[in-house]
Amino acid sequence: MRPANAHRVVLLTPLPLRTRIRAAARRRIDHTGAWLAGHGHFRAAELLWRACRMW
């Protein structure tokens, strides 16, 4: 049996703070857009993604 964290990637050098912040913001925007679309607010999700240049 494999350990629970066997699928994790360990970076040899940590990513710069700016890159980590950008990735976290993108993840939250995408999650929010998916939530909106899942609740029937397709236009709002599309506008959010377009406003954040994620189309």
PDB file of N, CA and C in Angstrom:
ATOM      1  N   MET A   1       0.837  -1.183   0.000  1.00  0.00           N
ATOM      2  CA  MET A   1       0.000   0.000   0.000  1.00  0.00           C
ATOM      3  C   MET A   1       0.883   1.247   0.000  1.00  0.00           C
ATOM      4  N   ARG A   2       0.497   2.227  -0.851  1.00  0.00           N
ATOM      5  CA  ARG A   2       1.274   3.457  -0.955  1.00  0.00           C
ATOM      6  C   ARG A   2       0.865   4.454   0.125  1.00  0.00           C
ATOM      7  N   PRO A   3       1.793   5.297   0.543  1.00  0.00           N
ATOM      8  CA  PRO A   3       1.422   6.340   1.499  1.00  0.00           C
ATOM      9  C   PRO A   3       0.408   7.310   0.878  1.00  0.00           C
ATOM     10  N   ALA A   4      -0.349   8.004   1.711  1.00  0.00           N
ATOM     11  CA  ALA A   4      -1.394   8.910   1.234  1.00  0.00           C
ATOM     12  C   ALA A   4      -0.830  10.066   0.416  1.00  0.00           C
ATOM     13  N   ASN A   5       0.392  10.467   0.666  1.00  0.00           N
ATOM     14  CA  ASN A   5       0.968  11.604  -0.064  1.00  0.00           C
ATOM     15  C   ASN A   5       1.866  11.171  -1.215  1.00  0.00           C
ATOM     16  N   ALA A   6       1.716   9.959  -1.709  1.00  0.00           N
ATOM     17  CA  ALA A   6       2.577   9.457  -2.780  1.00  0.00           C
ATOM     18  C   ALA A   6       2.365  10.210  -4.090  1.00  0.00           C
ATOM     19  N   HIS A   7       1.231  10.839  -4.284  1.00  0.00           N
ATOM     20  CA  HIS A   7       0.932  11.541  -5.529  1.00  0.00           C
ATOM     21  C   HIS A   7       1.436  12.986  -5.527  1.00  0.00           C
ATOM     22  N   ARG A   8       1.950  13.465  -4.440  1.00  0.00           N
ATOM     23  CA  ARG A   8       2.399  14.855  -4.352  1.00  0.00           C
ATOM     24  C   ARG A   8       3.726  15.055  -5.073  1.00  0.00           C
ATOM     25  N   VAL A   9       3.849  16.227  -5.679  1.00  0.00           N
ATOM     26  CA  VAL A   9       5.085  16.610  -6.348  1.00  0.00           C
ATOM     27  C   VAL A   9       5.865  17.497  -5.393  1.00  0.00           C
ATOM     28  N   VAL A  10       7.123  17.194  -5.201  1.00  0.00           N
ATOM     29  CA  VAL A  10       7.969  18.002  -4.328  1.00  0.00           C
ATOM     30  C   VAL A  10       8.945  18.768  -5.215  1.00  0.00           C
ATOM     31  N   LEU A  11       8.863  20.093  -5.150  1.00  0.00           N
ATOM     32  CA  LEU A  11       9.751  20.924  -5.957  1.00  0.00           C
ATOM     33  C   LEU A  11      11.100  21.053  -5.269  1.00  0.00           C
ATOM     34  N   LEU A  12      12.137  21.035  -6.055  1.00  0.00           N
ATOM     35  CA  LEU A  12      13.473  21.199  -5.508  1.00  0.00           C
ATOM     36  C   LEU A  12      13.708  22.641  -5.066  1.00  0.00           C
ATOM     37  N   THR A  13      13.134  23.579  -5.821  1.00  0.00           N
ATOM     38  CA  THR A  13      13.214  24.990  -5.433  1.00  0.00           C
ATOM     39  C   THR A  13      11.782  25.513  -5.371  1.00  0.00           C
ATOM     40  N   PRO A  14      11.428  26.242  -4.334  1.00  0.00           N
ATOM     41  CA  PRO A  14      10.055  26.749  -4.239  1.00  0.00           C
ATOM     42  C   PRO A  14       9.765  27.774  -5.334  1.00  0.00           C
ATOM     43  N   LEU A  15       8.503  27.828  -5.742  1.00  0.00           N
ATOM     44  CA  LEU A  15       8.111  28.813  -6.751  1.00  0.00           C
ATOM     45  C   LEU A  15       8.152  30.210  -6.141  1.00  0.00           C
ATOM     46  N   PRO A  16       8.411  31.216  -6.958  1.00  0.00           N
ATOM     47  CA  PRO A  16       8.406  32.586  -6.453  1.00  0.00           C
ATOM     48  C   PRO A  16       7.023  32.958  -5.907  1.00  0.00           C
ATOM     49  N   LEU A  17       6.991  33.873  -4.973  1.00  0.00           N
ATOM     50  CA  LEU A  17       5.756  34.301  -4.327  1.00  0.00           C
ATOM     51  C   LEU A  17       4.738  34.788  -5.355  1.00  0.00           C
ATOM     52  N   ARG A  18       5.182  35.566  -6.310  1.00  0.00           N
ATOM     53  CA  ARG A  18       4.272  36.097  -7.343  1.00  0.00           C
ATOM     54  C   ARG A  18       3.583  34.965  -8.104  1.00  0.00           C
ATOM     55  N   THR A  19       4.310  33.926  -8.439  1.00  0.00           N
ATOM     56  CA  THR A  19       3.752  32.789  -9.163  1.00  0.00           C
ATOM     57  C   THR A  19       2.742  32.043  -8.302  1.00  0.00           C
ATOM     58  N   ARG A  20       3.069  31.853  -7.023  1.00  0.00           N
ATOM     59  CA  ARG A  20       2.143  31.164  -6.124  1.00  0.00           C
ATOM     60  C   ARG A  20       0.858  31.947  -5.924  1.00  0.00           C
ATOM     61  N   ILE A  21       0.973  33.276  -5.803  1.00  0.00           N
ATOM     62  CA  ILE A  21      -0.213  34.115  -5.639  1.00  0.00           C
ATOM     63  C   ILE A  21      -1.077  34.066  -6.890  1.00  0.00           C
ATOM     64  N   ARG A  22      -0.445  34.150  -8.059  1.00  0.00           N
ATOM     65  CA  ARG A  22      -1.187  34.104  -9.320  1.00  0.00           C
ATOM     66  C   ARG A  22      -1.913  32.770  -9.485  1.00  0.00           C
ATOM     67  N   ALA A  23      -1.251  31.671  -9.152  1.00  0.00           N
ATOM     68  CA  ALA A  23      -1.875  30.351  -9.260  1.00  0.00           C
ATOM     69  C   ALA A  23      -3.045  30.212  -8.288  1.00  0.00           C
ATOM     70  N   ALA A  24      -2.884  30.732  -7.075  1.00  0.00           N
ATOM     71  CA  ALA A  24      -3.967  30.663  -6.088  1.00  0.00           C
ATOM     72  C   ALA A  24      -5.165  31.500  -6.535  1.00  0.00           C
ATOM     73  N   ALA A  25      -4.913  32.677  -7.079  1.00  0.00           N
ATOM     74  CA  ALA A  25      -6.003  33.541  -7.548  1.00  0.00           C
ATOM     75  C   ALA A  25      -6.736  32.883  -8.710  1.00  0.00           C
ATOM     76  N   ARG A  26      -5.984  32.307  -9.644  1.00  0.00           N
ATOM     77  CA  ARG A  26      -6.588  31.610 -10.780  1.00  0.00           C
ATOM     78  C   ARG A  26      -7.453  30.451 -10.334  1.00  0.00           C
ATOM     79  N   ARG A  27      -6.960  29.711  -9.359  1.00  0.00           N
ATOM     80  CA  ARG A  27      -7.700  28.566  -8.828  1.00  0.00           C
ATOM     81  C   ARG A  27      -9.016  29.018  -8.196  1.00  0.00           C
ATOM     82  N   ARG A  28      -8.975  30.120  -7.422  1.00  0.00           N
ATOM     83  CA  ARG A  28     -10.199  30.629  -6.780  1.00  0.00           C
ATOM     84  C   ARG A  28     -11.190  31.167  -7.813  1.00  0.00           C
ATOM     85  N   ILE A  29     -10.692  31.886  -8.821  1.00  0.00           N
ATOM     86  CA  ILE A  29     -11.558  32.418  -9.878  1.00  0.00           C
ATOM     87  C   ILE A  29     -12.208  31.271 -10.625  1.00  0.00           C
ATOM     88  N   ASP A  30     -11.437  30.256 -10.971  1.00  0.00           N
ATOM     89  CA  ASP A  30     -11.966  29.108 -11.702  1.00  0.00           C
ATOM     90  C   ASP A  30     -12.992  28.357 -10.854  1.00  0.00           C
ATOM     91  N   HIS A  31     -12.706  28.191  -9.575  1.00  0.00           N
ATOM     92  CA  HIS A  31     -13.637  27.504  -8.676  1.00  0.00           C
ATOM     93  C   HIS A  31     -14.953  28.286  -8.568  1.00  0.00           C
ATOM     94  N   THR A  32     -14.852  29.605  -8.432  1.00  0.00           N
ATOM     95  CA  THR A  32     -16.044  30.444  -8.333  1.00  0.00           C
ATOM     96  C   THR A  32     -16.853  30.397  -9.624  1.00  0.00           C
ATOM     97  N   GLY A  33     -16.176  30.473 -10.765  1.00  0.00           N
ATOM     98  CA  GLY A  33     -16.870  30.384 -12.052  1.00  0.00           C
ATOM     99  C   GLY A  33     -17.556  29.041 -12.236  1.00  0.00           C
ATOM    100  N   ALA A  34     -16.901  27.974 -11.825  1.00  0.00           N
ATOM    101  CA  ALA A  34     -17.505  26.642 -11.925  1.00  0.00           C
ATOM    102  C   ALA A  34     -18.725  26.534 -11.012  1.00  0.00           C
ATOM    103  N   TRP A  35     -18.633  27.134  -9.814  1.00  0.00           N
ATOM    104  CA  TRP A  35     -19.768  27.126  -8.899  1.00  0.00           C
ATOM    105  C   TRP A  35     -20.946  27.879  -9.504  1.00  0.00           C
ATOM    106  N   LEU A  36     -20.659  29.059 -10.075  1.00  0.00           N
ATOM    107  CA  LEU A  36     -21.722  29.847 -10.705  1.00  0.00           C
ATOM    108  C   LEU A  36     -22.374  29.071 -11.846  1.00  0.00           C
ATOM    109  N   ALA A  37     -21.555  28.470 -12.701  1.00  0.00           N
ATOM    110  CA  ALA A  37     -22.094  27.701 -13.821  1.00  0.00           C
ATOM    111  C   ALA A  37     -22.902  26.506 -13.323  1.00  0.00           C
ATOM    112  N   GLY A  38     -22.441  25.875 -12.282  1.00  0.00           N
ATOM    113  CA  GLY A  38     -23.144  24.730 -11.722  1.00  0.00           C
ATOM    114  C   GLY A  38     -24.479  25.089 -11.109  1.00  0.00           C
ATOM    115  N   HIS A  39     -24.645  26.354 -10.736  1.00  0.00           N
ATOM    116  CA  HIS A  39     -25.903  26.812 -10.151  1.00  0.00           C
ATOM    117  C   HIS A  39     -26.757  27.575 -11.166  1.00  0.00           C
ATOM    118  N   GLY A  40     -26.430  27.417 -12.444  1.00  0.00           N
ATOM    119  CA  GLY A  40     -27.254  27.992 -13.502  1.00  0.00           C
ATOM    120  C   GLY A  40     -26.955  29.425 -13.871  1.00  0.00           C
ATOM    121  N   HIS A  41     -25.898  29.984 -13.355  1.00  0.00           N
ATOM    122  CA  HIS A  41     -25.535  31.369 -13.661  1.00  0.00           C
ATOM    123  C   HIS A  41     -24.414  31.385 -14.700  1.00  0.00           C
ATOM    124  N   PHE A  42     -24.736  30.873 -15.890  1.00  0.00           N
ATOM    125  CA  PHE A  42     -23.724  30.708 -16.930  1.00  0.00           C
ATOM    126  C   PHE A  42     -23.161  32.039 -17.404  1.00  0.00           C
ATOM    127  N   ARG A  43     -24.031  33.026 -17.564  1.00  0.00           N
ATOM    128  CA  ARG A  43     -23.570  34.330 -18.058  1.00  0.00           C
ATOM    129  C   ARG A  43     -22.634  34.994 -17.046  1.00  0.00           C
ATOM    130  N   ALA A  44     -22.974  34.895 -15.761  1.00  0.00           N
ATOM    131  CA  ALA A  44     -22.116  35.489 -14.729  1.00  0.00           C
ATOM    132  C   ALA A  44     -20.751  34.797 -14.710  1.00  0.00           C
ATOM    133  N   ALA A  45     -20.752  33.476 -14.857  1.00  0.00           N
ATOM    134  CA  ALA A  45     -19.490  32.736 -14.886  1.00  0.00           C
ATOM    135  C   ALA A  45     -18.664  33.147 -16.096  1.00  0.00           C
ATOM    136  N   GLU A  46     -19.319  33.268 -17.240  1.00  0.00           N
ATOM    137  CA  GLU A  46     -18.608  33.673 -18.450  1.00  0.00           C
ATOM    138  C   GLU A  46     -18.019  35.074 -18.303  1.00  0.00           C
ATOM    139  N   LEU A  47     -18.814  36.003 -17.739  1.00  0.00           N
ATOM    140  CA  LEU A  47     -18.320  37.361 -17.542  1.00  0.00           C
ATOM    141  C   LEU A  47     -17.134  37.390 -16.578  1.00  0.00           C
ATOM    142  N   LEU A  48     -17.203  36.582 -15.532  1.00  0.00           N
ATOM    143  CA  LEU A  48     -16.090  36.510 -14.579  1.00  0.00           C
ATOM    144  C   LEU A  48     -14.824  36.023 -15.268  1.00  0.00           C
ATOM    145  N   TRP A  49     -14.951  34.928 -16.030  1.00  0.00           N
ATOM    146  CA  TRP A  49     -13.782  34.377 -16.708  1.00  0.00           C
ATOM    147  C   TRP A  49     -13.231  35.340 -17.752  1.00  0.00           C
ATOM    148  N   ARG A  50     -14.114  36.011 -18.463  1.00  0.00           N
ATOM    149  CA  ARG A  50     -13.653  36.966 -19.470  1.00  0.00           C
ATOM    150  C   ARG A  50     -12.991  38.185 -18.833  1.00  0.00           C
ATOM    151  N   ALA A  51     -13.575  38.664 -17.732  1.00  0.00           N
ATOM    152  CA  ALA A  51     -12.999  39.816 -17.036  1.00  0.00           C
ATOM    153  C   ALA A  51     -11.599  39.502 -16.515  1.00  0.00           C
ATOM    154  N   CYS A  52     -11.379  38.257 -16.148  1.00  0.00           N
ATOM    155  CA  CYS A  52     -10.075  37.830 -15.625  1.00  0.00           C
ATOM    156  C   CYS A  52      -9.182  37.232 -16.711  1.00  0.00           C
ATOM    157  N   ARG A  53      -9.608  37.349 -17.956  1.00  0.00           N
ATOM    158  CA  ARG A  53      -8.867  36.827 -19.121  1.00  0.00           C
ATOM    159  C   ARG A  53      -8.560  35.341 -18.991  1.00  0.00           C
ATOM    160  N   MET A  54      -9.582  34.548 -18.656  1.00  0.00           N
ATOM    161  CA  MET A  54      -9.398  33.103 -18.495  1.00  0.00           C
ATOM    162  C   MET A  54     -10.219  32.323 -19.532  1.00  0.00           C
ATOM    163  N   TRP A  55     -10.589  32.934 -20.651  1.00  0.00           N
ATOM    164  CA  TRP A  55     -11.410  32.231 -21.627  1.00  0.00           C
ATOM    165  C   TRP A  55     -10.618  31.319 -22.448  1.00  0.00           C
TER     166      TRP A  55
END
